[in-house]
Amino acid sequence: IPWEMVSNYVPFNVTPEYVPHFYGTIFTLFAVFYSLLGGMSGIVWAD
């Protein structure tokens, strides 16, 4: 997902060296969702 594709939809500037960190943050939030809610059983079934 090249930065040029999404930069228009992001309301703030991200410098090139921090683009990976931006993507990392977005997907981290999904991981947080199922591990916080489902605990160990949620983790095992997702795995």
All heavy atoms as atom14 arrays in JSON, in Angstrom:
{
  "sequence": "IPWEMVSNYVPFNVTPEYVPHFYGTIFTLFAVFYSLLGGMSGIVWAD",
  "atom14_mask": [
    [1, 1, 1, 1, 1, 1, 1, 1, 0, 0, 0, 0, 0, 0],
    [1, 1, 1, 1, 1, 1, 1, 0, 0, 0, 0, 0, 0, 0],
    [1, 1, 1, 1, 1, 1, 1, 1, 1, 1, 1, 1, 1, 1],
    [1, 1, 1, 1, 1, 1, 1, 1, 1, 0, 0, 0, 0, 0],
    [1, 1, 1, 1, 1, 1, 1, 1, 0, 0, 0, 0, 0, 0],
    [1, 1, 1, 1, 1, 1, 1, 0, 0, 0, 0, 0, 0, 0],
    [1, 1, 1, 1, 1, 1, 0, 0, 0, 0, 0, 0, 0, 0],
    [1, 1, 1, 1, 1, 1, 1, 1, 0, 0, 0, 0, 0, 0],
    [1, 1, 1, 1, 1, 1, 1, 1, 1, 1, 1, 1, 0, 0],
    [1, 1, 1, 1, 1, 1, 1, 0, 0, 0, 0, 0, 0, 0],
    [1, 1, 1, 1, 1, 1, 1, 0, 0, 0, 0, 0, 0, 0],
    [1, 1, 1, 1, 1, 1, 1, 1, 1, 1, 1, 0, 0, 0],
    [1, 1, 1, 1, 1, 1, 1, 1, 0, 0, 0, 0, 0, 0],
    [1, 1, 1, 1, 1, 1, 1, 0, 0, 0, 0, 0, 0, 0],
    [1, 1, 1, 1, 1, 1, 1, 0, 0, 0, 0, 0, 0, 0],
    [1, 1, 1, 1, 1, 1, 1, 0, 0, 0, 0, 0, 0, 0],
    [1, 1, 1, 1, 1, 1, 1, 1, 1, 0, 0, 0, 0, 0],
    [1, 1, 1, 1, 1, 1, 1, 1, 1, 1, 1, 1, 0, 0],
    [1, 1, 1, 1, 1, 1, 1, 0, 0, 0, 0, 0, 0, 0],
    [1, 1, 1, 1, 1, 1, 1, 0, 0, 0, 0, 0, 0, 0],
    [1, 1, 1, 1, 1, 1, 1, 1, 1, 1, 0, 0, 0, 0],
    [1, 1, 1, 1, 1, 1, 1, 1, 1, 1, 1, 0, 0, 0],
    [1, 1, 1, 1, 1, 1, 1, 1, 1, 1, 1, 1, 0, 0],
    [1, 1, 1, 1, 0, 0, 0, 0, 0, 0, 0, 0, 0, 0],
    [1, 1, 1, 1, 1, 1, 1, 0, 0, 0, 0, 0, 0, 0],
    [1, 1, 1, 1, 1, 1, 1, 1, 0, 0, 0, 0, 0, 0],
    [1, 1, 1, 1, 1, 1, 1, 1, 1, 1, 1, 0, 0, 0],
    [1, 1, 1, 1, 1, 1, 1, 0, 0, 0, 0, 0, 0, 0],
    [1, 1, 1, 1, 1, 1, 1, 1, 0, 0, 0, 0, 0, 0],
    [1, 1, 1, 1, 1, 1, 1, 1, 1, 1, 1, 0, 0, 0],
    [1, 1, 1, 1, 1, 0, 0, 0, 0, 0, 0, 0, 0, 0],
    [1, 1, 1, 1, 1, 1, 1, 0, 0, 0, 0, 0, 0, 0],
    [1, 1, 1, 1, 1, 1, 1, 1, 1, 1, 1, 0, 0, 0],
    [1, 1, 1, 1, 1, 1, 1, 1, 1, 1, 1, 1, 0, 0],
    [1, 1, 1, 1, 1, 1, 0, 0, 0, 0, 0, 0, 0, 0],
    [1, 1, 1, 1, 1, 1, 1, 1, 0, 0, 0, 0, 0, 0],
    [1, 1, 1, 1, 1, 1, 1, 1, 0, 0, 0, 0, 0, 0],
    [1, 1, 1, 1, 0, 0, 0, 0, 0, 0, 0, 0, 0, 0],
    [1, 1, 1, 1, 0, 0, 0, 0, 0, 0, 0, 0, 0, 0],
    [1, 1, 1, 1, 1, 1, 1, 1, 0, 0, 0, 0, 0, 0],
    [1, 1, 1, 1, 1, 1, 0, 0, 0, 0, 0, 0, 0, 0],
    [1, 1, 1, 1, 0, 0, 0, 0, 0, 0, 0, 0, 0, 0],
    [1, 1, 1, 1, 1, 1, 1, 1, 0, 0, 0, 0, 0, 0],
    [1, 1, 1, 1, 1, 1, 1, 0, 0, 0, 0, 0, 0, 0],
    [1, 1, 1, 1, 1, 1, 1, 1, 1, 1, 1, 1, 1, 1],
    [1, 1, 1, 1, 1, 0, 0, 0, 0, 0, 0, 0, 0, 0],
    [1, 1, 1, 1, 1, 1, 1, 1, 0, 0, 0, 0, 0, 0]
  ],
  "atom14_positions": [
    [[0.88, -1.18, 0.0], [0.0, 0.0, 0.0], [0.91, 1.23, 0.0], [1.25, 1.77, 1.05], [-0.93, 0.0, 1.24], [-1.64, -1.35, 1.39], [-1.96, 1.13, 1.14], [-2.43, -1.52, 2.65], [0.0, 0.0, 0.0], [0.0, 0.0, 0.0], [0.0, 0.0, 0.0], [0.0, 0.0, 0.0], [0.0, 0.0, 0.0], [0.0, 0.0, 0.0]],
    [[1.38, 1.65, -1.18], [2.29, 2.79, -1.24], [1.65, 4.02, -0.59], [0.43, 4.21, -0.66], [2.5, 3.01, -2.74], [2.05, 1.74, -3.39], [1.04, 1.13, -2.5], [0.0, 0.0, 0.0], [0.0, 0.0, 0.0], [0.0, 0.0, 0.0], [0.0, 0.0, 0.0], [0.0, 0.0, 0.0], [0.0, 0.0, 0.0], [0.0, 0.0, 0.0]],
    [[2.49, 4.83, 0.03], [2.0, 5.99, 0.77], [1.19, 6.93, -0.13], [0.2, 7.53, 0.3], [3.18, 6.72, 1.4], [2.78, 7.91, 2.22], [3.14, 9.2, 2.05], [1.9, 7.9, 3.36], [2.55, 10.02, 2.98], [1.78, 9.23, 3.81], [1.19, 6.91, 4.04], [1.0, 9.6, 4.9], [0.41, 7.27, 5.13], [0.32, 8.59, 5.54]],
    [[1.57, 7.01, -1.43], [0.86, 7.91, -2.35], [-0.63, 7.55, -2.42], [-1.48, 8.41, -2.67], [1.44, 7.83, -3.77], [2.92, 8.15, -3.89], [3.81, 6.96, -3.5], [3.8, 5.95, -4.21], [4.49, 7.07, -2.46], [0.0, 0.0, 0.0], [0.0, 0.0, 0.0], [0.0, 0.0, 0.0], [0.0, 0.0, 0.0], [0.0, 0.0, 0.0]],
    [[-0.94, 6.23, -2.24], [-2.34, 5.79, -2.35], [-3.2, 6.29, -1.19], [-4.39, 6.52, -1.34], [-2.39, 4.25, -2.35], [-2.15, 3.62, -3.69], [-2.17, 1.83, -3.53], [-3.88, 1.51, -3.07], [0.0, 0.0, 0.0], [0.0, 0.0, 0.0], [0.0, 0.0, 0.0], [0.0, 0.0, 0.0], [0.0, 0.0, 0.0], [0.0, 0.0, 0.0]],
    [[-2.59, 6.44, -0.01], [-3.4, 6.73, 1.18], [-3.18, 8.15, 1.73], [-3.95, 8.61, 2.56], [-3.13, 5.7, 2.31], [-3.63, 4.34, 1.94], [-1.67, 5.66, 2.67], [0.0, 0.0, 0.0], [0.0, 0.0, 0.0], [0.0, 0.0, 0.0], [0.0, 0.0, 0.0], [0.0, 0.0, 0.0], [0.0, 0.0, 0.0], [0.0, 0.0, 0.0]],
    [[-2.11, 8.8, 1.26], [-1.76, 10.1, 1.87], [-2.9, 11.13, 1.79], [-3.07, 11.94, 2.69], [-0.5, 10.67, 1.22], [-0.68, 10.79, -0.17], [0.0, 0.0, 0.0], [0.0, 0.0, 0.0], [0.0, 0.0, 0.0], [0.0, 0.0, 0.0], [0.0, 0.0, 0.0], [0.0, 0.0, 0.0], [0.0, 0.0, 0.0], [0.0, 0.0, 0.0]],
    [[-3.72, 11.03, 0.72], [-4.82, 12.0, 0.57], [-5.91, 11.8, 1.62], [-6.71, 12.71, 1.89], [-5.45, 11.89, -0.83], [-4.46, 12.31, -1.9], [-3.57, 13.12, -1.63], [-4.61, 11.77, -3.1], [0.0, 0.0, 0.0], [0.0, 0.0, 0.0], [0.0, 0.0, 0.0], [0.0, 0.0, 0.0], [0.0, 0.0, 0.0], [0.0, 0.0, 0.0]],
    [[-5.97, 10.56, 2.18], [-7.04, 10.27, 3.14], [-6.58, 10.46, 4.59], [-7.37, 10.25, 5.52], [-7.52, 8.81, 2.97], [-7.98, 8.53, 1.55], [-7.15, 7.85, 0.66], [-9.23, 8.95, 1.1], [-7.55, 7.6, -0.64], [-9.65, 8.71, -0.2], [-8.8, 8.03, -1.06], [-9.21, 7.78, -2.34], [0.0, 0.0, 0.0], [0.0, 0.0, 0.0]],
    [[-5.3, 10.79, 4.77], [-4.76, 10.95, 6.14], [-4.68, 12.44, 6.44], [-4.06, 13.2, 5.68], [-3.36, 10.29, 6.25], [-2.79, 10.49, 7.65], [-3.48, 8.8, 5.94], [0.0, 0.0, 0.0], [0.0, 0.0, 0.0], [0.0, 0.0, 0.0], [0.0, 0.0, 0.0], [0.0, 0.0, 0.0], [0.0, 0.0, 0.0], [0.0, 0.0, 0.0]],
    [[-5.29, 12.89, 7.56], [-5.38, 14.34, 7.81], [-4.1, 14.98, 8.35], [-4.12, 16.12, 8.78], [-6.5, 14.42, 8.86], [-6.47, 13.11, 9.54], [-6.02, 12.1, 8.55], [0.0, 0.0, 0.0], [0.0, 0.0, 0.0], [0.0, 0.0, 0.0], [0.0, 0.0, 0.0], [0.0, 0.0, 0.0], [0.0, 0.0, 0.0], [0.0, 0.0, 0.0]],
    [[-2.97, 14.26, 8.32], [-1.72, 14.86, 8.81], [-0.57, 14.37, 7.94], [-0.69, 13.37, 7.22], [-1.46, 14.51, 10.28], [-1.65, 13.05, 10.61], [-0.63, 12.14, 10.4], [-2.87, 12.61, 11.11], [-0.81, 10.8, 10.69], [-3.04, 11.25, 11.4], [-2.01, 10.36, 11.19], [0.0, 0.0, 0.0], [0.0, 0.0, 0.0], [0.0, 0.0, 0.0]],
    [[0.57, 15.06, 8.0], [1.74, 14.69, 7.2], [2.55, 13.59, 7.89], [2.71, 13.62, 9.1], [2.65, 15.91, 7.0], [2.08, 16.83, 5.94], [1.39, 16.37, 5.03], [2.33, 18.13, 6.08], [0.0, 0.0, 0.0], [0.0, 0.0, 0.0], [0.0, 0.0, 0.0], [0.0, 0.0, 0.0], [0.0, 0.0, 0.0], [0.0, 0.0, 0.0]],
    [[3.05, 12.63, 7.08], [3.94, 11.58, 7.61], [5.19, 11.59, 6.74], [5.11, 11.44, 5.52], [3.26, 10.2, 7.55], [4.21, 9.11, 8.04], [1.97, 10.19, 8.38], [0.0, 0.0, 0.0], [0.0, 0.0, 0.0], [0.0, 0.0, 0.0], [0.0, 0.0, 0.0], [0.0, 0.0, 0.0], [0.0, 0.0, 0.0], [0.0, 0.0, 0.0]],
    [[6.36, 11.76, 7.37], [7.61, 11.77, 6.59], [7.94, 10.35, 6.14], [7.54, 9.38, 6.81], [8.79, 12.33, 7.43], [8.88, 11.56, 8.63], [8.57, 13.79, 7.8], [0.0, 0.0, 0.0], [0.0, 0.0, 0.0], [0.0, 0.0, 0.0], [0.0, 0.0, 0.0], [0.0, 0.0, 0.0], [0.0, 0.0, 0.0], [0.0, 0.0, 0.0]],
    [[8.68, 10.18, 5.0], [8.91, 8.85, 4.42], [9.44, 7.81, 5.42], [8.99, 6.67, 5.41], [9.93, 9.11, 3.31], [9.7, 10.53, 2.92], [9.26, 11.25, 4.16], [0.0, 0.0, 0.0], [0.0, 0.0, 0.0], [0.0, 0.0, 0.0], [0.0, 0.0, 0.0], [0.0, 0.0, 0.0], [0.0, 0.0, 0.0], [0.0, 0.0, 0.0]],
    [[10.38, 8.22, 6.31], [10.97, 7.21, 7.2], [9.98, 6.7, 8.25], [10.18, 5.65, 8.86], [12.25, 7.73, 7.89], [12.06, 8.87, 8.87], [12.23, 10.25, 8.23], [11.98, 10.38, 7.02], [12.62, 11.17, 8.96], [0.0, 0.0, 0.0], [0.0, 0.0, 0.0], [0.0, 0.0, 0.0], [0.0, 0.0, 0.0], [0.0, 0.0, 0.0]],
    [[8.86, 7.44, 8.45], [7.88, 7.01, 9.44], [6.63, 6.37, 8.83], [5.69, 6.03, 9.55], [7.48, 8.18, 10.36], [8.56, 8.52, 11.33], [9.19, 9.77, 11.31], [9.0, 7.59, 12.27], [10.2, 10.08, 12.19], [10.01, 7.89, 13.16], [10.61, 9.14, 13.12], [11.62, 9.4, 14.01], [0.0, 0.0, 0.0], [0.0, 0.0, 0.0]],
    [[6.62, 6.17, 7.52], [5.48, 5.51, 6.87], [5.27, 4.09, 7.42], [4.16, 3.72, 7.78], [5.63, 5.51, 5.33], [4.58, 4.62, 4.69], [5.53, 6.94, 4.8], [0.0, 0.0, 0.0], [0.0, 0.0, 0.0], [0.0, 0.0, 0.0], [0.0, 0.0, 0.0], [0.0, 0.0, 0.0], [0.0, 0.0, 0.0], [0.0, 0.0, 0.0]],
    [[6.37, 3.26, 7.56], [6.17, 1.92, 8.14], [5.54, 1.99, 9.53], [4.71, 1.15, 9.89], [7.59, 1.33, 8.21], [8.38, 2.11, 7.22], [7.78, 3.47, 7.19], [0.0, 0.0, 0.0], [0.0, 0.0, 0.0], [0.0, 0.0, 0.0], [0.0, 0.0, 0.0], [0.0, 0.0, 0.0], [0.0, 0.0, 0.0], [0.0, 0.0, 0.0]],
    [[5.92, 2.98, 10.31], [5.41, 3.1, 11.68], [3.91, 3.43, 11.67], [3.16, 2.95, 12.52], [6.18, 4.18, 12.45], [7.66, 3.91, 12.51], [8.49, 4.19, 11.45], [8.43, 3.4, 13.48], [9.72, 3.85, 11.78], [9.71, 3.37, 13.0], [0.0, 0.0, 0.0], [0.0, 0.0, 0.0], [0.0, 0.0, 0.0], [0.0, 0.0, 0.0]],
    [[3.51, 4.22, 10.68], [2.08, 4.56, 10.56], [1.27, 3.29, 10.31], [0.26, 3.04, 10.96], [1.89, 5.58, 9.42], [0.44, 5.86, 9.1], [-0.3, 6.71, 9.9], [-0.16, 5.26, 8.0], [-1.64, 6.96, 9.61], [-1.49, 5.5, 7.71], [-2.24, 6.35, 8.51], [0.0, 0.0, 0.0], [0.0, 0.0, 0.0], [0.0, 0.0, 0.0]],
    [[1.71, 2.49, 9.32], [1.0, 1.24, 9.01], [1.02, 0.28, 10.21], [0.03, -0.39, 10.5], [1.62, 0.55, 7.79], [1.32, 1.26, 6.49], [2.33, 1.58, 5.6], [0.02, 1.6, 6.14], [2.07, 2.23, 4.4], [-0.26, 2.25, 4.95], [0.77, 2.56, 4.08], [0.49, 3.21, 2.91], [0.0, 0.0, 0.0], [0.0, 0.0, 0.0]],
    [[2.18, 0.2, 10.86], [2.31, -0.66, 12.04], [1.27, -0.31, 13.09], [0.61, -1.18, 13.67], [0.0, 0.0, 0.0], [0.0, 0.0, 0.0], [0.0, 0.0, 0.0], [0.0, 0.0, 0.0], [0.0, 0.0, 0.0], [0.0, 0.0, 0.0], [0.0, 0.0, 0.0], [0.0, 0.0, 0.0], [0.0, 0.0, 0.0], [0.0, 0.0, 0.0]],
    [[1.06, 0.98, 13.3], [0.09, 1.45, 14.31], [-1.33, 1.01, 13.96], [-2.07, 0.5, 14.8], [0.13, 2.99, 14.42], [1.48, 3.39, 14.67], [-0.75, 3.49, 15.54], [0.0, 0.0, 0.0], [0.0, 0.0, 0.0], [0.0, 0.0, 0.0], [0.0, 0.0, 0.0], [0.0, 0.0, 0.0], [0.0, 0.0, 0.0], [0.0, 0.0, 0.0]],
    [[-1.71, 1.16, 12.68], [-3.09, 0.84, 12.26], [-3.38, -0.64, 12.52], [-4.41, -1.0, 13.11], [-3.29, 1.16, 10.75], [-3.08, 2.65, 10.48], [-4.66, 0.69, 10.27], [-4.04, 3.58, 11.19], [0.0, 0.0, 0.0], [0.0, 0.0, 0.0], [0.0, 0.0, 0.0], [0.0, 0.0, 0.0], [0.0, 0.0, 0.0], [0.0, 0.0, 0.0]],
    [[-2.48, -1.54, 12.08], [-2.75, -2.97, 12.23], [-2.61, -3.44, 13.67], [-3.25, -4.4, 14.09], [-1.86, -3.79, 11.28], [-2.37, -3.78, 9.88], [-1.94, -2.84, 8.96], [-3.34, -4.68, 9.49], [-2.45, -2.81, 7.67], [-3.87, -4.66, 8.2], [-3.42, -3.72, 7.29], [0.0, 0.0, 0.0], [0.0, 0.0, 0.0], [0.0, 0.0, 0.0]],
    [[-1.78, -2.75, 14.43], [-1.66, -3.04, 15.86], [-3.02, -2.91, 16.55], [-3.37, -3.71, 17.41], [-0.66, -2.04, 16.51], [0.63, -2.3, 15.96], [-0.59, -2.21, 18.0], [0.0, 0.0, 0.0], [0.0, 0.0, 0.0], [0.0, 0.0, 0.0], [0.0, 0.0, 0.0], [0.0, 0.0, 0.0], [0.0, 0.0, 0.0], [0.0, 0.0, 0.0]],
    [[-3.8, -1.91, 16.14], [-5.07, -1.66, 16.82], [-6.06, -2.82, 16.6], [-6.84, -3.14, 17.48], [-5.67, -0.32, 16.34], [-4.79, 0.89, 16.67], [-5.37, 2.18, 16.11], [-4.54, 1.02, 18.17], [0.0, 0.0, 0.0], [0.0, 0.0, 0.0], [0.0, 0.0, 0.0], [0.0, 0.0, 0.0], [0.0, 0.0, 0.0], [0.0, 0.0, 0.0]],
    [[-6.0, -3.49, 15.42], [-6.83, -4.68, 15.19], [-6.43, -5.81, 16.13], [-7.26, -6.5, 16.72], [-6.69, -5.17, 13.74], [-7.73, -4.6, 12.83], [-7.44, -3.55, 11.98], [-9.02, -5.12, 12.84], [-8.41, -3.01, 11.14], [-9.99, -4.6, 12.01], [-9.69, -3.54, 11.15], [0.0, 0.0, 0.0], [0.0, 0.0, 0.0], [0.0, 0.0, 0.0]],
    [[-5.11, -6.01, 16.26], [-4.6, -7.08, 17.13], [-5.05, -6.84, 18.57], [-5.43, -7.77, 19.29], [-3.08, -7.12, 17.07], [0.0, 0.0, 0.0], [0.0, 0.0, 0.0], [0.0, 0.0, 0.0], [0.0, 0.0, 0.0], [0.0, 0.0, 0.0], [0.0, 0.0, 0.0], [0.0, 0.0, 0.0], [0.0, 0.0, 0.0], [0.0, 0.0, 0.0]],
    [[-5.02, -5.59, 18.97], [-5.42, -5.23, 20.32], [-6.87, -5.65, 20.56], [-7.21, -6.19, 21.6], [-5.29, -3.69, 20.52], [-5.97, -3.24, 21.8], [-3.83, -3.29, 20.53], [0.0, 0.0, 0.0], [0.0, 0.0, 0.0], [0.0, 0.0, 0.0], [0.0, 0.0, 0.0], [0.0, 0.0, 0.0], [0.0, 0.0, 0.0], [0.0, 0.0, 0.0]],
    [[-7.7, -5.47, 19.55], [-9.13, -5.72, 19.69], [-9.4, -7.16, 20.12], [-10.03, -7.42, 21.14], [-9.84, -5.4, 18.38], [-11.34, -5.48, 18.5], [-12.05, -4.4, 18.99], [-12.03, -6.61, 18.13], [-13.44, -4.47, 19.11], [-13.4, -6.68, 18.25], [-14.11, -5.6, 18.74], [0.0, 0.0, 0.0], [0.0, 0.0, 0.0], [0.0, 0.0, 0.0]],
    [[-8.9, -8.14, 19.33], [-9.29, -9.51, 19.67], [-8.53, -10.07, 20.86], [-9.04, -10.89, 21.61], [-9.22, -10.44, 18.44], [-7.87, -11.01, 18.11], [-7.37, -12.12, 18.78], [-7.1, -10.48, 17.07], [-6.15, -12.66, 18.43], [-5.9, -11.02, 16.73], [-5.41, -12.11, 17.41], [-4.2, -12.65, 17.08], [0.0, 0.0, 0.0], [0.0, 0.0, 0.0]],
    [[-7.31, -9.58, 21.1], [-6.57, -10.12, 22.25], [-7.1, -9.54, 23.56], [-7.17, -10.22, 24.57], [-5.08, -9.87, 22.11], [-4.82, -8.5, 22.04], [0.0, 0.0, 0.0], [0.0, 0.0, 0.0], [0.0, 0.0, 0.0], [0.0, 0.0, 0.0], [0.0, 0.0, 0.0], [0.0, 0.0, 0.0], [0.0, 0.0, 0.0], [0.0, 0.0, 0.0]],
    [[-7.52, -8.25, 23.54], [-8.08, -7.67, 24.77], [-9.42, -8.31, 25.11], [-9.7, -8.61, 26.27], [-8.27, -6.16, 24.61], [-7.04, -5.27, 24.72], [-7.46, -3.81, 24.72], [-6.23, -5.57, 25.97], [0.0, 0.0, 0.0], [0.0, 0.0, 0.0], [0.0, 0.0, 0.0], [0.0, 0.0, 0.0], [0.0, 0.0, 0.0], [0.0, 0.0, 0.0]],
    [[-10.25, -8.52, 24.09], [-11.6, -9.02, 24.37], [-11.61, -10.52, 24.67], [-12.22, -10.96, 25.62], [-12.53, -8.74, 23.18], [-12.89, -7.27, 22.92], [-13.82, -7.18, 21.74], [-13.55, -6.66, 24.15], [0.0, 0.0, 0.0], [0.0, 0.0, 0.0], [0.0, 0.0, 0.0], [0.0, 0.0, 0.0], [0.0, 0.0, 0.0], [0.0, 0.0, 0.0]],
    [[-10.92, -11.29, 23.83], [-11.05, -12.75, 23.91], [-10.07, -13.44, 24.83], [-10.2, -14.63, 25.1], [0.0, 0.0, 0.0], [0.0, 0.0, 0.0], [0.0, 0.0, 0.0], [0.0, 0.0, 0.0], [0.0, 0.0, 0.0], [0.0, 0.0, 0.0], [0.0, 0.0, 0.0], [0.0, 0.0, 0.0], [0.0, 0.0, 0.0], [0.0, 0.0, 0.0]],
    [[-9.04, -12.71, 25.33], [-8.06, -13.34, 26.21], [-7.35, -14.5, 25.52], [-7.23, -14.54, 24.3], [0.0, 0.0, 0.0], [0.0, 0.0, 0.0], [0.0, 0.0, 0.0], [0.0, 0.0, 0.0], [0.0, 0.0, 0.0], [0.0, 0.0, 0.0], [0.0, 0.0, 0.0], [0.0, 0.0, 0.0], [0.0, 0.0, 0.0], [0.0, 0.0, 0.0]],
    [[-6.91, -15.49, 26.3], [-6.14, -16.61, 25.76], [-6.95, -17.44, 24.77], [-6.44, -17.86, 23.74], [-5.63, -17.5, 26.91], [-4.78, -18.68, 26.44], [-3.28, -18.21, 25.52], [-2.12, -17.98, 26.86], [0.0, 0.0, 0.0], [0.0, 0.0, 0.0], [0.0, 0.0, 0.0], [0.0, 0.0, 0.0], [0.0, 0.0, 0.0], [0.0, 0.0, 0.0]],
    [[-8.25, -17.68, 25.03], [-9.06, -18.49, 24.1], [-9.2, -17.78, 22.75], [-9.1, -18.4, 21.69], [-10.46, -18.74, 24.67], [-10.35, -19.48, 25.86], [0.0, 0.0, 0.0], [0.0, 0.0, 0.0], [0.0, 0.0, 0.0], [0.0, 0.0, 0.0], [0.0, 0.0, 0.0], [0.0, 0.0, 0.0], [0.0, 0.0, 0.0], [0.0, 0.0, 0.0]],
    [[-9.4, -16.46, 22.78], [-9.48, -15.68, 21.54], [-8.2, -15.78, 20.74], [-8.22, -15.95, 19.52], [0.0, 0.0, 0.0], [0.0, 0.0, 0.0], [0.0, 0.0, 0.0], [0.0, 0.0, 0.0], [0.0, 0.0, 0.0], [0.0, 0.0, 0.0], [0.0, 0.0, 0.0], [0.0, 0.0, 0.0], [0.0, 0.0, 0.0], [0.0, 0.0, 0.0]],
    [[-7.08, -15.72, 21.46], [-5.77, -15.8, 20.8], [-5.59, -17.16, 20.14], [-5.18, -17.27, 18.99], [-4.65, -15.54, 21.83], [-4.66, -14.05, 22.23], [-3.28, -15.94, 21.3], [-3.84, -13.74, 23.46], [0.0, 0.0, 0.0], [0.0, 0.0, 0.0], [0.0, 0.0, 0.0], [0.0, 0.0, 0.0], [0.0, 0.0, 0.0], [0.0, 0.0, 0.0]],
    [[-5.93, -18.24, 20.87], [-5.71, -19.6, 20.34], [-6.56, -19.84, 19.09], [-6.07, -20.35, 18.09], [-5.99, -20.66, 21.43], [-6.05, -22.06, 20.83], [-4.91, -20.59, 22.52], [0.0, 0.0, 0.0], [0.0, 0.0, 0.0], [0.0, 0.0, 0.0], [0.0, 0.0, 0.0], [0.0, 0.0, 0.0], [0.0, 0.0, 0.0], [0.0, 0.0, 0.0]],
    [[-7.86, -19.46, 19.13], [-8.71, -19.71, 17.97], [-8.3, -18.86, 16.77], [-8.31, -19.34, 15.64], [-10.18, -19.47, 18.33], [-10.75, -20.68, 18.99], [-11.0, -20.84, 20.32], [-11.07, -21.94, 18.37], [-11.47, -22.11, 20.57], [-11.51, -22.81, 19.39], [-11.01, -22.4, 17.06], [-11.92, -24.12, 19.13], [-11.41, -23.71, 16.8], [-11.86, -24.55, 17.82]],
    [[-7.9, -17.61, 17.02], [-7.42, -16.76, 15.91], [-6.14, -17.35, 15.32], [-5.93, -17.32, 14.1], [-7.16, -15.35, 16.42], [0.0, 0.0, 0.0], [0.0, 0.0, 0.0], [0.0, 0.0, 0.0], [0.0, 0.0, 0.0], [0.0, 0.0, 0.0], [0.0, 0.0, 0.0], [0.0, 0.0, 0.0], [0.0, 0.0, 0.0], [0.0, 0.0, 0.0]],
    [[-5.29, -17.93, 16.18], [-4.04, -18.55, 15.71], [-4.31, -19.77, 14.83], [-3.59, -20.02, 13.87], [-3.18, -18.98, 16.91], [-2.49, -17.8, 17.57], [-2.55, -16.7, 17.0], [-1.9, -17.97, 18.65], [0.0, 0.0, 0.0], [0.0, 0.0, 0.0], [0.0, 0.0, 0.0], [0.0, 0.0, 0.0], [0.0, 0.0, 0.0], [0.0, 0.0, 0.0]]
  ]
}
